[in-house]
Amino acid sequence: MSVPAPRQTSSYAVVALVAGILGWTLLPFLGSLAAIIFGHMGRAEIRRSNGQLDGDGLAVTGLVLGWLSVAMWVLMVVVFIVFFGGLAWIAALNS
């Protein structure tokens, strides 16, 4: 009787999770982009492995953290532009 080999975790999925966490802490924008890229690569690798690799949850978590961080950055840029654009508009009206 042979014992089945334990499934390995996708390295890309682990990198996606770590990059997603870094995207919220030490490397705000670059970590988020890396999380998105490696998350997609990890999920593709897991799908192609025919059940030999684990880690889809890690990859999805990295993707979610990455996309949420990017969304927050985009929202902050829009708020910044609207706020200072509004100030410039008010200043133009008063002069």
PDB file of N, CA and C in Angstrom:
ATOM      1  N   MET A   1       0.845  -1.172   0.000  1.00  0.00           N
ATOM      2  CA  MET A   1       0.000   0.000   0.000  1.00  0.00           C
ATOM      3  C   MET A   1       0.892   1.239   0.000  1.00  0.00           C
ATOM      4  N   SER A   2       0.668   2.125  -0.951  1.00  0.00           N
ATOM      5  CA  SER A   2       1.477   3.334  -1.032  1.00  0.00           C
ATOM      6  C   SER A   2       0.734   4.503  -0.389  1.00  0.00           C
ATOM      7  N   VAL A   3       1.507   5.330   0.252  1.00  0.00           N
ATOM      8  CA  VAL A   3       0.952   6.513   0.914  1.00  0.00           C
ATOM      9  C   VAL A   3       1.006   7.663  -0.085  1.00  0.00           C
ATOM     10  N   PRO A   4      -0.113   8.369  -0.290  1.00  0.00           N
ATOM     11  CA  PRO A   4      -0.084   9.487  -1.229  1.00  0.00           C
ATOM     12  C   PRO A   4       0.826  10.602  -0.717  1.00  0.00           C
ATOM     13  N   ALA A   5       1.534  11.214  -1.636  1.00  0.00           N
ATOM     14  CA  ALA A   5       2.421  12.317  -1.269  1.00  0.00           C
ATOM     15  C   ALA A   5       1.592  13.509  -0.814  1.00  0.00           C
ATOM     16  N   PRO A   6       2.052  14.203   0.219  1.00  0.00           N
ATOM     17  CA  PRO A   6       1.297  15.378   0.667  1.00  0.00           C
ATOM     18  C   PRO A   6       1.328  16.462  -0.408  1.00  0.00           C
ATOM     19  N   ARG A   7       0.224  17.169  -0.515  1.00  0.00           N
ATOM     20  CA  ARG A   7       0.154  18.241  -1.512  1.00  0.00           C
ATOM     21  C   ARG A   7       0.988  19.419  -1.047  1.00  0.00           C
ATOM     22  N   GLN A   8       1.663  20.037  -1.972  1.00  0.00           N
ATOM     23  CA  GLN A   8       2.476  21.207  -1.664  1.00  0.00           C
ATOM     24  C   GLN A   8       1.667  22.473  -1.892  1.00  0.00           C
ATOM     25  N   THR A   9       2.089  23.524  -1.223  1.00  0.00           N
ATOM     26  CA  THR A   9       1.443  24.819  -1.383  1.00  0.00           C
ATOM     27  C   THR A   9       2.157  25.595  -2.484  1.00  0.00           C
ATOM     28  N   SER A  10       1.398  26.250  -3.325  1.00  0.00           N
ATOM     29  CA  SER A  10       1.953  27.057  -4.405  1.00  0.00           C
ATOM     30  C   SER A  10       2.800  28.195  -3.840  1.00  0.00           C
ATOM     31  N   SER A  11       4.024  28.296  -4.338  1.00  0.00           N
ATOM     32  CA  SER A  11       4.915  29.382  -3.902  1.00  0.00           C
ATOM     33  C   SER A  11       4.343  30.743  -4.286  1.00  0.00           C
ATOM     34  N   TYR A  12       3.727  30.807  -5.465  1.00  0.00           N
ATOM     35  CA  TYR A  12       3.121  32.069  -5.898  1.00  0.00           C
ATOM     36  C   TYR A  12       2.008  32.507  -4.951  1.00  0.00           C
ATOM     37  N   ALA A  13       1.243  31.550  -4.446  1.00  0.00           N
ATOM     38  CA  ALA A  13       0.157  31.880  -3.521  1.00  0.00           C
ATOM     39  C   ALA A  13       0.708  32.449  -2.215  1.00  0.00           C
ATOM     40  N   VAL A  14       1.799  31.865  -1.731  1.00  0.00           N
ATOM     41  CA  VAL A  14       2.410  32.362  -0.492  1.00  0.00           C
ATOM     42  C   VAL A  14       2.960  33.766  -0.717  1.00  0.00           C
ATOM     43  N   VAL A  15       3.628  33.973  -1.855  1.00  0.00           N
ATOM     44  CA  VAL A  15       4.172  35.298  -2.167  1.00  0.00           C
ATOM     45  C   VAL A  15       3.042  36.311  -2.297  1.00  0.00           C
ATOM     46  N   ALA A  16       1.917  35.923  -2.882  1.00  0.00           N
ATOM     47  CA  ALA A  16       0.772  36.826  -3.017  1.00  0.00           C
ATOM     48  C   ALA A  16       0.262  37.258  -1.647  1.00  0.00           C
ATOM     49  N   LEU A  17       0.159  36.320  -0.723  1.00  0.00           N
ATOM     50  CA  LEU A  17      -0.322  36.665   0.614  1.00  0.00           C
ATOM     51  C   LEU A  17       0.658  37.597   1.317  1.00  0.00           C
ATOM     52  N   VAL A  18       1.939  37.276   1.271  1.00  0.00           N
ATOM     53  CA  VAL A  18       2.948  38.117   1.923  1.00  0.00           C
ATOM     54  C   VAL A  18       2.966  39.507   1.287  1.00  0.00           C
ATOM     55  N   ALA A  19       2.901  39.577  -0.032  1.00  0.00           N
ATOM     56  CA  ALA A  19       2.890  40.872  -0.708  1.00  0.00           C
ATOM     57  C   ALA A  19       1.622  41.657  -0.376  1.00  0.00           C
ATOM     58  N   GLY A  20       0.497  40.960  -0.245  1.00  0.00           N
ATOM     59  CA  GLY A  20      -0.742  41.634   0.142  1.00  0.00           C
ATOM     60  C   GLY A  20      -0.650  42.259   1.517  1.00  0.00           C
ATOM     61  N   ILE A  21      -0.019  41.552   2.436  1.00  0.00           N
ATOM     62  CA  ILE A  21       0.180  42.100   3.783  1.00  0.00           C
ATOM     63  C   ILE A  21       1.147  43.276   3.727  1.00  0.00           C
ATOM     64  N   LEU A  22       2.231  43.128   2.945  1.00  0.00           N
ATOM     65  CA  LEU A  22       3.181  44.230   2.800  1.00  0.00           C
ATOM     66  C   LEU A  22       2.536  45.440   2.136  1.00  0.00           C
ATOM     67  N   GLY A  23       1.569  45.184   1.266  1.00  0.00           N
ATOM     68  CA  GLY A  23       0.865  46.281   0.612  1.00  0.00           C
ATOM     69  C   GLY A  23       0.085  47.146   1.582  1.00  0.00           C
ATOM     70  N   TRP A  24      -0.264  46.606   2.723  1.00  0.00           N
ATOM     71  CA  TRP A  24      -0.980  47.376   3.741  1.00  0.00           C
ATOM     72  C   TRP A  24      -0.056  47.915   4.817  1.00  0.00           C
ATOM     73  N   THR A  25       1.232  47.491   4.794  1.00  0.00           N
ATOM     74  CA  THR A  25       2.133  47.904   5.875  1.00  0.00           C
ATOM     75  C   THR A  25       3.367  48.622   5.343  1.00  0.00           C
ATOM     76  N   LEU A  26       4.367  47.882   4.884  1.00  0.00           N
ATOM     77  CA  LEU A  26       5.666  48.458   4.570  1.00  0.00           C
ATOM     78  C   LEU A  26       5.828  48.951   3.134  1.00  0.00           C
ATOM     79  N   LEU A  27       5.173  48.318   2.181  1.00  0.00           N
ATOM     80  CA  LEU A  27       5.304  48.681   0.767  1.00  0.00           C
ATOM     81  C   LEU A  27       3.927  48.973   0.180  1.00  0.00           C
ATOM     82  N   PRO A  28       3.351  50.117   0.523  1.00  0.00           N
ATOM     83  CA  PRO A  28       1.950  50.348   0.205  1.00  0.00           C
ATOM     84  C   PRO A  28       1.517  50.066  -1.225  1.00  0.00           C
ATOM     85  N   PHE A  29       2.122  50.644  -2.221  1.00  0.00           N
ATOM     86  CA  PHE A  29       1.597  50.446  -3.569  1.00  0.00           C
ATOM     87  C   PHE A  29       2.269  49.275  -4.271  1.00  0.00           C
ATOM     88  N   LEU A  30       3.563  49.147  -4.121  1.00  0.00           N
ATOM     89  CA  LEU A  30       4.291  48.066  -4.792  1.00  0.00           C
ATOM     90  C   LEU A  30       3.882  46.690  -4.275  1.00  0.00           C
ATOM     91  N   GLY A  31       3.686  46.583  -2.977  1.00  0.00           N
ATOM     92  CA  GLY A  31       3.244  45.311  -2.408  1.00  0.00           C
ATOM     93  C   GLY A  31       1.878  44.907  -2.930  1.00  0.00           C
ATOM     94  N   SER A  32       1.015  45.878  -3.110  1.00  0.00           N
ATOM     95  CA  SER A  32      -0.326  45.591  -3.619  1.00  0.00           C
ATOM     96  C   SER A  32      -0.288  45.105  -5.063  1.00  0.00           C
ATOM     97  N   LEU A  33       0.525  45.760  -5.879  1.00  0.00           N
ATOM     98  CA  LEU A  33       0.659  45.321  -7.265  1.00  0.00           C
ATOM     99  C   LEU A  33       1.252  43.916  -7.338  1.00  0.00           C
ATOM    100  N   ALA A  34       2.250  43.647  -6.513  1.00  0.00           N
ATOM    101  CA  ALA A  34       2.850  42.311  -6.484  1.00  0.00           C
ATOM    102  C   ALA A  34       1.823  41.277  -6.028  1.00  0.00           C
ATOM    103  N   ALA A  35       0.994  41.627  -5.049  1.00  0.00           N
ATOM    104  CA  ALA A  35      -0.029  40.702  -4.566  1.00  0.00           C
ATOM    105  C   ALA A  35      -1.013  40.344  -5.674  1.00  0.00           C
ATOM    106  N   ILE A  36      -1.392  41.336  -6.468  1.00  0.00           N
ATOM    107  CA  ILE A  36      -2.334  41.093  -7.565  1.00  0.00           C
ATOM    108  C   ILE A  36      -1.694  40.191  -8.623  1.00  0.00           C
ATOM    109  N   ILE A  37      -0.480  40.514  -8.997  1.00  0.00           N
ATOM    110  CA  ILE A  37       0.209  39.738 -10.034  1.00  0.00           C
ATOM    111  C   ILE A  37       0.441  38.299  -9.568  1.00  0.00           C
ATOM    112  N   PHE A  38       1.033  38.138  -8.382  1.00  0.00           N
ATOM    113  CA  PHE A  38       1.335  36.791  -7.897  1.00  0.00           C
ATOM    114  C   PHE A  38       0.084  36.020  -7.514  1.00  0.00           C
ATOM    115  N   GLY A  39      -0.971  36.720  -7.096  1.00  0.00           N
ATOM    116  CA  GLY A  39      -2.230  36.044  -6.803  1.00  0.00           C
ATOM    117  C   GLY A  39      -2.816  35.391  -8.035  1.00  0.00           C
ATOM    118  N   HIS A  40      -2.806  36.132  -9.144  1.00  0.00           N
ATOM    119  CA  HIS A  40      -3.312  35.558 -10.397  1.00  0.00           C
ATOM    120  C   HIS A  40      -2.410  34.432 -10.887  1.00  0.00           C
ATOM    121  N   MET A  41      -1.098  34.619 -10.767  1.00  0.00           N
ATOM    122  CA  MET A  41      -0.167  33.565 -11.190  1.00  0.00           C
ATOM    123  C   MET A  41      -0.343  32.309 -10.330  1.00  0.00           C
ATOM    124  N   GLY A  42      -0.534  32.505  -9.023  1.00  0.00           N
ATOM    125  CA  GLY A  42      -0.719  31.374  -8.121  1.00  0.00           C
ATOM    126  C   GLY A  42      -1.991  30.603  -8.409  1.00  0.00           C
ATOM    127  N   ARG A  43      -3.085  31.320  -8.637  1.00  0.00           N
ATOM    128  CA  ARG A  43      -4.348  30.635  -8.944  1.00  0.00           C
ATOM    129  C   ARG A  43      -4.245  29.863 -10.250  1.00  0.00           C
ATOM    130  N   ALA A  44      -3.577  30.439 -11.240  1.00  0.00           N
ATOM    131  CA  ALA A  44      -3.405  29.737 -12.515  1.00  0.00           C
ATOM    132  C   ALA A  44      -2.540  28.485 -12.331  1.00  0.00           C
ATOM    133  N   GLU A  45      -1.480  28.620 -11.546  1.00  0.00           N
ATOM    134  CA  GLU A  45      -0.604  27.474 -11.293  1.00  0.00           C
ATOM    135  C   GLU A  45      -1.353  26.355 -10.572  1.00  0.00           C
ATOM    136  N   ILE A  46      -2.182  26.718  -9.621  1.00  0.00           N
ATOM    137  CA  ILE A  46      -2.954  25.726  -8.866  1.00  0.00           C
ATOM    138  C   ILE A  46      -3.967  25.034  -9.779  1.00  0.00           C
ATOM    139  N   ARG A  47      -4.626  25.798 -10.636  1.00  0.00           N
ATOM    140  CA  ARG A  47      -5.585  25.188 -11.571  1.00  0.00           C
ATOM    141  C   ARG A  47      -4.893  24.220 -12.531  1.00  0.00           C
ATOM    142  N   ARG A  48      -3.713  24.588 -13.003  1.00  0.00           N
ATOM    143  CA  ARG A  48      -2.986  23.735 -13.955  1.00  0.00           C
ATOM    144  C   ARG A  48      -2.371  22.502 -13.310  1.00  0.00           C
ATOM    145  N   SER A  49      -2.252  22.472 -11.994  1.00  0.00           N
ATOM    146  CA  SER A  49      -1.551  21.370 -11.320  1.00  0.00           C
ATOM    147  C   SER A  49      -2.396  20.106 -11.169  1.00  0.00           C
ATOM    148  N   ASN A  50      -3.667  20.143 -11.531  1.00  0.00           N
ATOM    149  CA  ASN A  50      -4.564  18.977 -11.418  1.00  0.00           C
ATOM    150  C   ASN A  50      -4.596  18.391 -10.004  1.00  0.00           C
ATOM    151  N   GLY A  51      -4.730  19.244  -9.025  1.00  0.00           N
ATOM    152  CA  GLY A  51      -4.861  18.781  -7.650  1.00  0.00           C
ATOM    153  C   GLY A  51      -3.554  18.520  -6.926  1.00  0.00           C
ATOM    154  N   GLN A  52      -2.428  18.805  -7.537  1.00  0.00           N
ATOM    155  CA  GLN A  52      -1.136  18.556  -6.891  1.00  0.00           C
ATOM    156  C   GLN A  52      -0.709  19.706  -5.977  1.00  0.00           C
ATOM    157  N   LEU A  53      -1.284  20.890  -6.169  1.00  0.00           N
ATOM    158  CA  LEU A  53      -0.903  22.060  -5.375  1.00  0.00           C
ATOM    159  C   LEU A  53      -2.084  22.586  -4.580  1.00  0.00           C
ATOM    160  N   ASP A  54      -1.784  23.065  -3.389  1.00  0.00           N
ATOM    161  CA  ASP A  54      -2.748  23.740  -2.522  1.00  0.00           C
ATOM    162  C   ASP A  54      -2.444  25.232  -2.522  1.00  0.00           C
ATOM    163  N   GLY A  55      -3.267  25.994  -1.838  1.00  0.00           N
ATOM    164  CA  GLY A  55      -2.980  27.398  -1.616  1.00  0.00           C
ATOM    165  C   GLY A  55      -3.909  28.365  -2.314  1.00  0.00           C
ATOM    166  N   ASP A  56      -5.024  27.891  -2.839  1.00  0.00           N
ATOM    167  CA  ASP A  56      -5.940  28.801  -3.523  1.00  0.00           C
ATOM    168  C   ASP A  56      -6.454  29.873  -2.571  1.00  0.00           C
ATOM    169  N   GLY A  57      -6.709  29.507  -1.339  1.00  0.00           N
ATOM    170  CA  GLY A  57      -7.164  30.487  -0.352  1.00  0.00           C
ATOM    171  C   GLY A  57      -6.129  31.563  -0.085  1.00  0.00           C
ATOM    172  N   LEU A  58      -4.857  31.159  -0.052  1.00  0.00           N
ATOM    173  CA  LEU A  58      -3.784  32.134   0.141  1.00  0.00           C
ATOM    174  C   LEU A  58      -3.726  33.102  -1.034  1.00  0.00           C
ATOM    175  N   ALA A  59      -3.835  32.550  -2.242  1.00  0.00           N
ATOM    176  CA  ALA A  59      -3.788  33.385  -3.439  1.00  0.00           C
ATOM    177  C   ALA A  59      -4.969  34.354  -3.475  1.00  0.00           C
ATOM    178  N   VAL A  60      -6.155  33.864  -3.143  1.00  0.00           N
ATOM    179  CA  VAL A  60      -7.339  34.727  -3.145  1.00  0.00           C
ATOM    180  C   VAL A  60      -7.207  35.811  -2.080  1.00  0.00           C
ATOM    181  N   THR A  61      -6.697  35.464  -0.917  1.00  0.00           N
ATOM    182  CA  THR A  61      -6.505  36.463   0.140  1.00  0.00           C
ATOM    183  C   THR A  61      -5.523  37.532  -0.308  1.00  0.00           C
ATOM    184  N   GLY A  62      -4.427  37.116  -0.948  1.00  0.00           N
ATOM    185  CA  GLY A  62      -3.479  38.086  -1.483  1.00  0.00           C
ATOM    186  C   GLY A  62      -4.120  38.992  -2.516  1.00  0.00           C
ATOM    187  N   LEU A  63      -4.938  38.396  -3.400  1.00  0.00           N
ATOM    188  CA  LEU A  63      -5.647  39.192  -4.407  1.00  0.00           C
ATOM    189  C   LEU A  63      -6.585  40.211  -3.764  1.00  0.00           C
ATOM    190  N   VAL A  64      -7.340  39.769  -2.779  1.00  0.00           N
ATOM    191  CA  VAL A  64      -8.300  40.667  -2.122  1.00  0.00           C
ATOM    192  C   VAL A  64      -7.555  41.806  -1.427  1.00  0.00           C
ATOM    193  N   LEU A  65      -6.493  41.475  -0.701  1.00  0.00           N
ATOM    194  CA  LEU A  65      -5.720  42.527  -0.028  1.00  0.00           C
ATOM    195  C   LEU A  65      -5.125  43.495  -1.042  1.00  0.00           C
ATOM    196  N   GLY A  66      -4.611  42.961  -2.143  1.00  0.00           N
ATOM    197  CA  GLY A  66      -4.016  43.811  -3.168  1.00  0.00           C
ATOM    198  C   GLY A  66      -5.032  44.730  -3.816  1.00  0.00           C
ATOM    199  N   TRP A  67      -6.171  44.163  -4.239  1.00  0.00           N
ATOM    200  CA  TRP A  67      -7.185  44.985  -4.914  1.00  0.00           C
ATOM    201  C   TRP A  67      -7.804  46.009  -3.971  1.00  0.00           C
ATOM    202  N   LEU A  68      -8.011  45.634  -2.696  1.00  0.00           N
ATOM    203  CA  LEU A  68      -8.556  46.612  -1.736  1.00  0.00           C
ATOM    204  C   LEU A  68      -7.599  47.773  -1.531  1.00  0.00           C
ATOM    205  N   SER A  69      -6.314  47.474  -1.439  1.00  0.00           N
ATOM    206  CA  SER A  69      -5.328  48.529  -1.258  1.00  0.00           C
ATOM    207  C   SER A  69      -5.274  49.445  -2.481  1.00  0.00           C
ATOM    208  N   VAL A  70      -5.291  48.862  -3.673  1.00  0.00           N
ATOM    209  CA  VAL A  70      -5.287  49.681  -4.892  1.00  0.00           C
ATOM    210  C   VAL A  70      -6.545  50.541  -4.951  1.00  0.00           C
ATOM    211  N   ALA A  71      -7.690  49.980  -4.590  1.00  0.00           N
ATOM    212  CA  ALA A  71      -8.932  50.750  -4.576  1.00  0.00           C
ATOM    213  C   ALA A  71      -8.846  51.919  -3.596  1.00  0.00           C
ATOM    214  N   MET A  72      -8.236  51.675  -2.448  1.00  0.00           N
ATOM    215  CA  MET A  72      -8.069  52.755  -1.468  1.00  0.00           C
ATOM    216  C   MET A  72      -7.153  53.851  -2.022  1.00  0.00           C
ATOM    217  N   TRP A  73      -6.080  53.461  -2.701  1.00  0.00           N
ATOM    218  CA  TRP A  73      -5.175  54.449  -3.310  1.00  0.00           C
ATOM    219  C   TRP A  73      -5.905  55.279  -4.356  1.00  0.00           C
ATOM    220  N   VAL A  74      -6.671  54.631  -5.205  1.00  0.00           N
ATOM    221  CA  VAL A  74      -7.411  55.351  -6.243  1.00  0.00           C
ATOM    222  C   VAL A  74      -8.417  56.307  -5.599  1.00  0.00           C
ATOM    223  N   LEU A  75      -9.114  55.831  -4.586  1.00  0.00           N
ATOM    224  CA  LEU A  75     -10.080  56.673  -3.889  1.00  0.00           C
ATOM    225  C   LEU A  75      -9.396  57.884  -3.251  1.00  0.00           C
ATOM    226  N   MET A  76      -8.234  57.663  -2.634  1.00  0.00           N
ATOM    227  CA  MET A  76      -7.508  58.781  -2.009  1.00  0.00           C
ATOM    228  C   MET A  76      -7.065  59.802  -3.054  1.00  0.00           C
ATOM    229  N   VAL A  77      -6.621  59.353  -4.223  1.00  0.00           N
ATOM    230  CA  VAL A  77      -6.208  60.275  -5.286  1.00  0.00           C
ATOM    231  C   VAL A  77      -7.408  61.077  -5.781  1.00  0.00           C
ATOM    232  N   VAL A  78      -8.544  60.418  -5.967  1.00  0.00           N
ATOM    233  CA  VAL A  78      -9.745  61.115  -6.419  1.00  0.00           C
ATOM    234  C   VAL A  78     -10.182  62.154  -5.386  1.00  0.00           C
ATOM    235  N   VAL A  79     -10.190  61.783  -4.124  1.00  0.00           N
ATOM    236  CA  VAL A  79     -10.571  62.732  -3.062  1.00  0.00           C
ATOM    237  C   VAL A  79      -9.599  63.903  -3.033  1.00  0.00           C
ATOM    238  N   PHE A  80      -8.311  63.632  -3.188  1.00  0.00           N
ATOM    239  CA  PHE A  80      -7.295  64.680  -3.208  1.00  0.00           C
ATOM    240  C   PHE A  80      -7.552  65.663  -4.349  1.00  0.00           C
ATOM    241  N   ILE A  81      -7.795  65.108  -5.534  1.00  0.00           N
ATOM    242  CA  ILE A  81      -8.031  65.960  -6.706  1.00  0.00           C
ATOM    243  C   ILE A  81      -9.311  66.772  -6.541  1.00  0.00           C
ATOM    244  N   VAL A  82     -10.366  66.132  -6.072  1.00  0.00           N
ATOM    245  CA  VAL A  82     -11.640  66.836  -5.890  1.00  0.00           C
ATOM    246  C   VAL A  82     -11.509  67.917  -4.827  1.00  0.00           C
ATOM    247  N   PHE A  83     -10.831  67.615  -3.725  1.00  0.00           N
ATOM    248  CA  PHE A  83     -10.684  68.585  -2.637  1.00  0.00           C
ATOM    249  C   PHE A  83      -9.906  69.809  -3.104  1.00  0.00           C
ATOM    250  N   PHE A  84      -8.717  69.567  -3.670  1.00  0.00           N
ATOM    251  CA  PHE A  84      -7.902  70.703  -4.086  1.00  0.00           C
ATOM    252  C   PHE A  84      -8.445  71.373  -5.349  1.00  0.00           C
ATOM    253  N   GLY A  85      -9.127  70.616  -6.178  1.00  0.00           N
ATOM    254  CA  GLY A  85      -9.811  71.229  -7.316  1.00  0.00           C
ATOM    255  C   GLY A  85     -10.918  72.143  -6.849  1.00  0.00           C
ATOM    256  N   GLY A  86     -11.633  71.720  -5.827  1.00  0.00           N
ATOM    257  CA  GLY A  86     -12.684  72.549  -5.242  1.00  0.00           C
ATOM    258  C   GLY A  86     -12.125  73.807  -4.614  1.00  0.00           C
ATOM    259  N   LEU A  87     -10.984  73.674  -3.926  1.00  0.00           N
ATOM    260  CA  LEU A  87     -10.342  74.853  -3.343  1.00  0.00           C
ATOM    261  C   LEU A  87      -9.899  75.829  -4.424  1.00  0.00           C
ATOM    262  N   ALA A  88      -9.345  75.299  -5.522  1.00  0.00           N
ATOM    263  CA  ALA A  88      -8.920  76.165  -6.624  1.00  0.00           C
ATOM    264  C   ALA A  88     -10.132  76.848  -7.255  1.00  0.00           C
ATOM    265  N   TRP A  89     -11.232  76.134  -7.371  1.00  0.00           N
ATOM    266  CA  TRP A  89     -12.450  76.711  -7.954  1.00  0.00           C
ATOM    267  C   TRP A  89     -12.976  77.841  -7.067  1.00  0.00           C
ATOM    268  N   ILE A  90     -12.989  77.592  -5.749  1.00  0.00           N
ATOM    269  CA  ILE A  90     -13.450  78.628  -4.811  1.00  0.00           C
ATOM    270  C   ILE A  90     -12.524  79.835  -4.859  1.00  0.00           C
ATOM    271  N   ALA A  91     -11.212  79.585  -4.916  1.00  0.00           N
ATOM    272  CA  ALA A  91     -10.257  80.690  -5.003  1.00  0.00           C
ATOM    273  C   ALA A  91     -10.445  81.486  -6.287  1.00  0.00           C
ATOM    274  N   ALA A  92     -10.764  80.799  -7.389  1.00  0.00           N
ATOM    275  CA  ALA A  92     -10.974  81.487  -8.656  1.00  0.00           C
ATOM    276  C   ALA A  92     -12.245  82.335  -8.610  1.00  0.00           C
ATOM    277  N   LEU A  93     -13.270  81.848  -7.899  1.00  0.00           N
ATOM    278  CA  LEU A  93     -14.507  82.623  -7.779  1.00  0.00           C
ATOM    279  C   LEU A  93     -14.314  83.883  -6.951  1.00  0.00           C
ATOM    280  N   ASN A  94     -13.449  83.803  -5.941  1.00  0.00           N
ATOM    281  CA  ASN A  94     -13.254  84.926  -5.027  1.00  0.00           C
ATOM    282  C   ASN A  94     -12.268  85.952  -5.549  1.00  0.00           C
ATOM    283  N   SER A  95     -11.593  85.667  -6.639  1.00  0.00           N
ATOM    284  CA  SER A  95     -10.603  86.676  -7.110  1.00  0.00           C
ATOM    285  C   SER A  95     -11.111  87.514  -8.232  1.00  0.00           C
TER     286      SER A  95
END
